[in-house]
Amino acid sequence: MGVGTVWFVGAGPGDPDLITVKGRDLIARAGAILFAGSLVNVAATGWAPPDCLIADSKDMTLEQMSAWLIANAARCDTVVRLQTGDPALYGTLIELVQPLDAAGVPVAVVPGVSSAMASAAAAVESFTLPEVTQTTIFTRVEGRTPMPDGEDLAALAAHRCTLCIFLSITLLHKVEAGLRQAGWPDDAPVLVVHKASWPGEERIVRGTLATIKQQCRDAGIVSQAMVIASPTLGARQWPELARSRLYDPSFTHRFRKATT
């Protein structure tokens, strides 16, 4: 048998039903699955065949993970690395792919639903609204991992667009400081969603720049949470919205002529 393919599959934000059909089908035929147990719901491995080797990577180093994937690709046609959310966002995709490339192991990626999208869905919010903002930034604040020059939160927040702030729930003081430095007011709405889409575990906290840190502290939210700051938050309750031009009866496009 030749060398098998290692598939990096986005498991989605937590609800196992939010994995893609392609990802589920790969799990169903996998000979080996390495999943990120600290973040991925173990239920996502439930479609694996009975003889599939399943391992949790939460106590492994990157070197150990690479070695595990390479060793199992030598004996299985399909090896799955099951990652939280989407493999392209805040994961170790490239760090794991490089040693696989060096070992001659074929690699493929299946995208997944990001926790940012799941958080907006949970709260019934939109990142973009006509004439409010048309831009969404995915970022984080500096912790043990430094931020590159020009990417500090204050610089990004100066755009006054939607900010999805990953990996920063324990650094809300830095989130608050960055937004204030960019001129966001005390009453700017902030949304925090803990374990978005996880059955029975999802929690939604709505607050403002002035209150959100204490609200999260009171709720005991210290991990696996998305922080969203946006001028669009709460638009569901606004009495008036600027309409999308695409669906306006006065707008002509190639599928419909204007009627007014």
Protein backbone atom coordinates (compact mmCIF):
# COMPACT_ATOMS: atom_id res chain seq x y z
CA MET A 1 0.00 0.00 0.00
CA GLY A 2 1.20 3.51 -0.83
CA VAL A 3 1.29 6.47 1.52
CA GLY A 4 -2.16 7.62 2.63
CA THR A 5 -3.45 11.17 2.61
CA VAL A 6 -3.65 13.27 5.76
CA TRP A 7 -6.83 15.36 5.71
CA PHE A 8 -6.99 18.45 7.88
CA VAL A 9 -10.70 18.71 8.62
CA GLY A 10 -12.42 21.67 10.26
CA ALA A 11 -14.69 20.16 12.91
CA GLY A 12 -16.63 23.39 13.24
CA PRO A 13 -17.34 25.35 16.41
CA GLY A 14 -18.64 22.58 18.66
CA ASP A 15 -21.97 21.18 17.55
CA PRO A 16 -21.00 17.95 15.75
CA ASP A 17 -23.84 18.53 13.26
CA LEU A 18 -22.02 21.62 11.99
CA ILE A 19 -19.17 19.64 10.48
CA THR A 20 -19.33 19.60 6.67
CA VAL A 21 -20.72 16.57 4.85
CA LYS A 22 -17.29 16.06 3.28
CA GLY A 23 -15.64 16.13 6.70
CA ARG A 24 -18.14 13.64 8.12
CA ASP A 25 -17.62 11.31 5.16
CA LEU A 26 -13.85 11.40 5.64
CA ILE A 27 -14.26 10.51 9.31
CA ALA A 28 -16.52 7.64 8.30
CA ARG A 29 -13.76 6.06 6.20
CA ALA A 30 -10.72 7.09 8.23
CA GLY A 31 -8.22 4.55 9.46
CA ALA A 32 -6.82 6.98 12.02
CA ILE A 33 -8.07 10.26 13.55
CA LEU A 34 -6.06 12.73 15.60
CA PHE A 35 -8.42 15.23 17.18
CA ALA A 36 -7.79 18.35 19.26
CA GLY A 37 -9.55 17.15 22.40
CA SER A 38 -9.19 20.39 24.32
CA LEU A 39 -11.34 22.19 21.74
CA VAL A 40 -13.11 19.69 19.50
CA ASN A 41 -16.25 17.97 20.75
CA VAL A 42 -15.40 14.26 20.95
CA ALA A 43 -18.84 13.56 19.50
CA ALA A 44 -17.43 14.60 16.13
CA THR A 45 -15.50 11.32 16.05
CA GLY A 46 -18.74 9.35 16.39
CA TRP A 47 -18.93 8.61 12.65
CA ALA A 48 -15.58 6.80 12.69
CA PRO A 49 -15.55 3.08 11.81
CA PRO A 50 -15.16 0.64 14.71
CA ASP A 51 -11.56 -0.25 13.85
CA CYS A 52 -10.41 3.36 13.47
CA LEU A 53 -7.50 4.43 15.68
CA ILE A 54 -8.55 7.60 17.51
CA ALA A 55 -6.09 9.69 19.52
CA ASP A 56 -6.39 12.96 21.43
CA SER A 57 -3.64 15.49 20.74
CA LYS A 58 -4.19 17.75 23.75
CA ASP A 59 -1.07 16.53 25.55
CA MET A 60 1.12 16.18 22.42
CA THR A 61 3.82 18.48 21.11
CA LEU A 62 3.81 19.47 17.44
CA GLU A 63 6.66 17.03 16.82
CA GLN A 64 4.67 14.19 18.37
CA MET A 65 1.61 15.10 16.34
CA SER A 66 3.58 15.17 13.10
CA ALA A 67 5.17 11.82 13.88
CA TRP A 68 1.76 10.30 14.67
CA LEU A 69 0.27 11.54 11.39
CA ILE A 70 3.25 10.33 9.34
CA ALA A 71 3.27 6.90 11.00
CA ASN A 72 -0.45 6.38 10.42
CA ALA A 73 -0.31 7.62 6.83
CA ALA A 74 2.08 4.72 6.23
CA ARG A 75 -0.61 2.22 7.17
CA CYS A 76 -3.93 3.96 6.32
CA ASP A 77 -5.36 5.39 3.10
CA THR A 78 -7.18 8.13 5.02
CA VAL A 79 -5.87 9.90 8.11
CA VAL A 80 -7.85 12.77 9.60
CA ARG A 81 -6.50 15.59 11.69
CA LEU A 82 -9.67 17.02 13.25
CA GLN A 83 -9.23 20.68 14.17
CA THR A 84 -11.59 23.13 15.81
CA GLY A 85 -13.42 25.65 13.64
CA ASP A 86 -11.65 26.13 10.33
CA PRO A 87 -8.07 24.86 9.86
CA ALA A 88 -6.98 28.18 8.33
CA LEU A 89 -7.84 30.24 11.43
CA TYR A 90 -5.64 30.19 14.56
CA GLY A 91 -4.57 26.60 14.09
CA THR A 92 -1.29 24.82 13.47
CA LEU A 93 -2.03 23.92 9.87
CA ILE A 94 1.22 25.10 8.28
CA GLU A 95 3.37 23.96 11.20
CA LEU A 96 1.98 20.43 10.79
CA VAL A 97 1.95 20.42 7.00
CA GLN A 98 5.65 21.26 6.61
CA PRO A 99 6.95 18.01 8.18
CA LEU A 100 4.36 16.02 6.21
CA ASP A 101 5.59 17.65 3.00
CA ALA A 102 9.16 16.78 3.97
CA ALA A 103 8.12 13.16 4.53
CA GLY A 104 6.31 12.95 1.19
CA VAL A 105 2.86 12.55 2.75
CA PRO A 106 -0.03 13.94 0.65
CA VAL A 107 -2.10 16.61 2.40
CA ALA A 108 -5.58 18.05 1.81
CA VAL A 109 -7.76 20.50 3.75
CA VAL A 110 -11.52 20.57 4.35
CA PRO A 111 -12.83 23.92 5.62
CA GLY A 112 -15.06 24.23 8.64
CA VAL A 113 -17.47 26.65 10.31
CA SER A 114 -15.58 29.20 12.39
CA SER A 115 -16.62 30.05 15.94
CA ALA A 116 -16.96 33.63 14.72
CA MET A 117 -19.77 32.60 12.39
CA ALA A 118 -21.33 30.34 15.00
CA SER A 119 -21.28 33.17 17.54
CA ALA A 120 -23.06 35.56 15.19
CA ALA A 121 -25.61 32.83 14.44
CA ALA A 122 -26.20 32.12 18.13
CA ALA A 123 -26.90 35.78 18.83
CA VAL A 124 -28.79 36.38 15.55
CA GLU A 125 -26.39 39.16 14.56
CA SER A 126 -24.90 40.27 11.24
CA PHE A 127 -21.29 41.35 10.84
CA THR A 128 -22.18 43.66 7.97
CA LEU A 129 -25.03 46.05 7.31
CA PRO A 130 -25.53 48.52 4.46
CA GLU A 131 -24.24 51.98 5.32
CA VAL A 132 -23.01 50.78 8.75
CA THR A 133 -20.01 48.59 7.99
CA GLN A 134 -18.99 46.31 5.14
CA THR A 135 -15.81 45.02 6.76
CA THR A 136 -15.07 42.31 9.32
CA ILE A 137 -11.66 41.83 10.94
CA PHE A 138 -10.61 38.56 12.58
CA THR A 139 -7.92 39.25 15.16
CA ARG A 140 -6.72 38.70 18.71
CA VAL A 141 -4.95 40.74 21.35
CA GLU A 142 -1.37 40.19 22.34
CA GLY A 143 -0.79 37.55 24.98
CA ARG A 144 2.04 35.03 24.96
CA THR A 145 1.93 35.31 21.16
CA PRO A 146 3.03 38.80 20.09
CA MET A 147 1.18 40.76 17.42
CA PRO A 148 3.01 41.85 14.26
CA ASP A 149 3.72 45.54 13.77
CA GLY A 150 0.64 47.48 12.78
CA GLU A 151 -1.81 44.84 14.02
CA ASP A 152 -2.39 46.02 17.58
CA LEU A 153 -6.09 46.19 18.45
CA ALA A 154 -6.19 49.98 18.67
CA ALA A 155 -4.96 50.27 15.08
CA LEU A 156 -7.53 47.78 13.80
CA ALA A 157 -10.35 49.20 15.91
CA ALA A 158 -9.76 52.63 14.39
CA HIS A 159 -11.61 51.35 11.30
CA ARG A 160 -14.82 51.19 13.38
CA CYS A 161 -15.87 48.02 11.59
CA THR A 162 -16.79 44.60 13.04
CA LEU A 163 -14.07 43.00 15.14
CA CYS A 164 -14.13 39.27 15.92
CA ILE A 165 -11.57 38.90 18.65
CA PHE A 166 -10.33 35.34 19.14
CA LEU A 167 -8.38 33.84 22.04
CA SER A 168 -8.78 36.92 24.21
CA ILE A 169 -11.46 36.24 26.83
CA THR A 170 -8.87 36.32 29.63
CA LEU A 171 -7.47 39.57 28.23
CA LEU A 172 -10.61 41.69 28.22
CA HIS A 173 -8.70 44.47 29.94
CA LYS A 174 -6.53 44.67 26.82
CA VAL A 175 -9.59 44.53 24.57
CA GLU A 176 -11.13 47.38 26.53
CA ALA A 177 -7.92 49.42 26.43
CA GLY A 178 -7.47 48.93 22.68
CA LEU A 179 -11.02 49.93 21.82
CA ARG A 180 -10.88 52.96 24.09
CA GLN A 181 -7.59 54.03 22.52
CA ALA A 182 -9.33 53.87 19.13
CA GLY A 183 -12.10 56.12 20.40
CA TRP A 184 -14.90 53.61 20.97
CA PRO A 185 -17.34 54.99 23.59
CA ASP A 186 -18.30 53.37 26.89
CA ASP A 187 -21.71 52.39 25.51
CA ALA A 188 -20.32 50.64 22.42
CA PRO A 189 -22.04 47.22 22.28
CA VAL A 190 -19.90 44.12 22.88
CA LEU A 191 -20.99 40.51 22.51
CA VAL A 192 -19.33 37.48 24.09
CA VAL A 193 -20.37 33.95 23.15
CA HIS A 194 -18.96 31.04 25.17
CA LYS A 195 -18.80 27.67 23.41
CA ALA A 196 -20.89 28.81 20.47
CA SER A 197 -23.12 25.97 19.19
CA TRP A 198 -22.01 23.45 21.87
CA PRO A 199 -25.20 21.60 22.87
CA GLY A 200 -26.19 22.58 26.41
CA GLU A 201 -23.04 24.65 26.99
CA GLU A 202 -23.44 27.77 24.85
CA ARG A 203 -23.77 31.05 26.74
CA ILE A 204 -24.36 34.53 25.34
CA VAL A 205 -23.40 37.69 27.19
CA ARG A 206 -24.39 41.09 25.84
CA GLY A 207 -22.87 44.21 27.29
CA THR A 208 -20.99 47.36 26.51
CA LEU A 209 -17.36 48.32 26.48
CA ALA A 210 -17.79 49.61 30.02
CA THR A 211 -19.56 46.51 31.41
CA ILE A 212 -18.51 43.41 29.48
CA LYS A 213 -15.42 42.55 31.51
CA GLN A 214 -17.33 42.42 34.79
CA GLN A 215 -20.26 40.60 33.18
CA CYS A 216 -17.96 37.85 31.93
CA ARG A 217 -16.21 37.67 35.28
CA ASP A 218 -19.59 37.30 37.03
CA ALA A 219 -20.58 34.58 34.56
CA GLY A 220 -17.30 32.70 35.09
CA ILE A 221 -16.44 32.76 31.39
CA VAL A 222 -12.68 32.24 31.13
CA SER A 223 -12.17 30.06 28.04
CA GLN A 224 -13.50 29.17 24.58
CA ALA A 225 -15.28 32.44 24.00
CA MET A 226 -15.59 34.77 21.03
CA VAL A 227 -15.56 38.52 21.66
CA ILE A 228 -17.36 40.62 19.05
CA ALA A 229 -17.34 44.41 18.97
CA SER A 230 -19.34 45.94 16.14
CA PRO A 231 -21.49 48.92 15.22
CA THR A 232 -24.01 46.38 13.86
CA LEU A 233 -24.74 44.69 17.18
CA GLY A 234 -28.35 44.94 18.25
CA ALA A 235 -29.58 45.95 14.79
CA ARG A 236 -32.45 43.49 15.10
CA GLN A 237 -34.11 46.01 17.44
CA TRP A 238 -33.37 49.13 15.38
CA PRO A 239 -36.54 50.88 14.16
CA GLU A 240 -34.96 51.67 10.77
CA LEU A 241 -32.37 49.96 8.59
CA ALA A 242 -30.75 51.01 5.34
CA ARG A 243 -32.02 48.52 2.76
CA SER A 244 -29.76 46.35 0.66
CA ARG A 245 -29.62 47.79 -2.85
CA LEU A 246 -29.52 44.30 -4.37
CA TYR A 247 -33.06 43.49 -3.27
CA ASP A 248 -34.54 46.98 -3.60
CA PRO A 249 -37.33 47.13 -6.23
CA SER A 250 -35.69 50.22 -7.75
CA PHE A 251 -32.43 48.36 -8.40
CA THR A 252 -31.82 46.62 -11.72
CA HIS A 253 -29.45 43.70 -12.07
CA ARG A 254 -29.04 40.89 -14.58
CA PHE A 255 -31.73 38.73 -12.98
CA ARG A 256 -34.39 41.41 -12.39
CA LYS A 257 -35.43 44.74 -13.82
CA ALA A 258 -36.41 47.63 -11.57
CA THR A 259 -40.14 47.92 -10.97
CA THR A 260 -40.23 51.45 -9.57
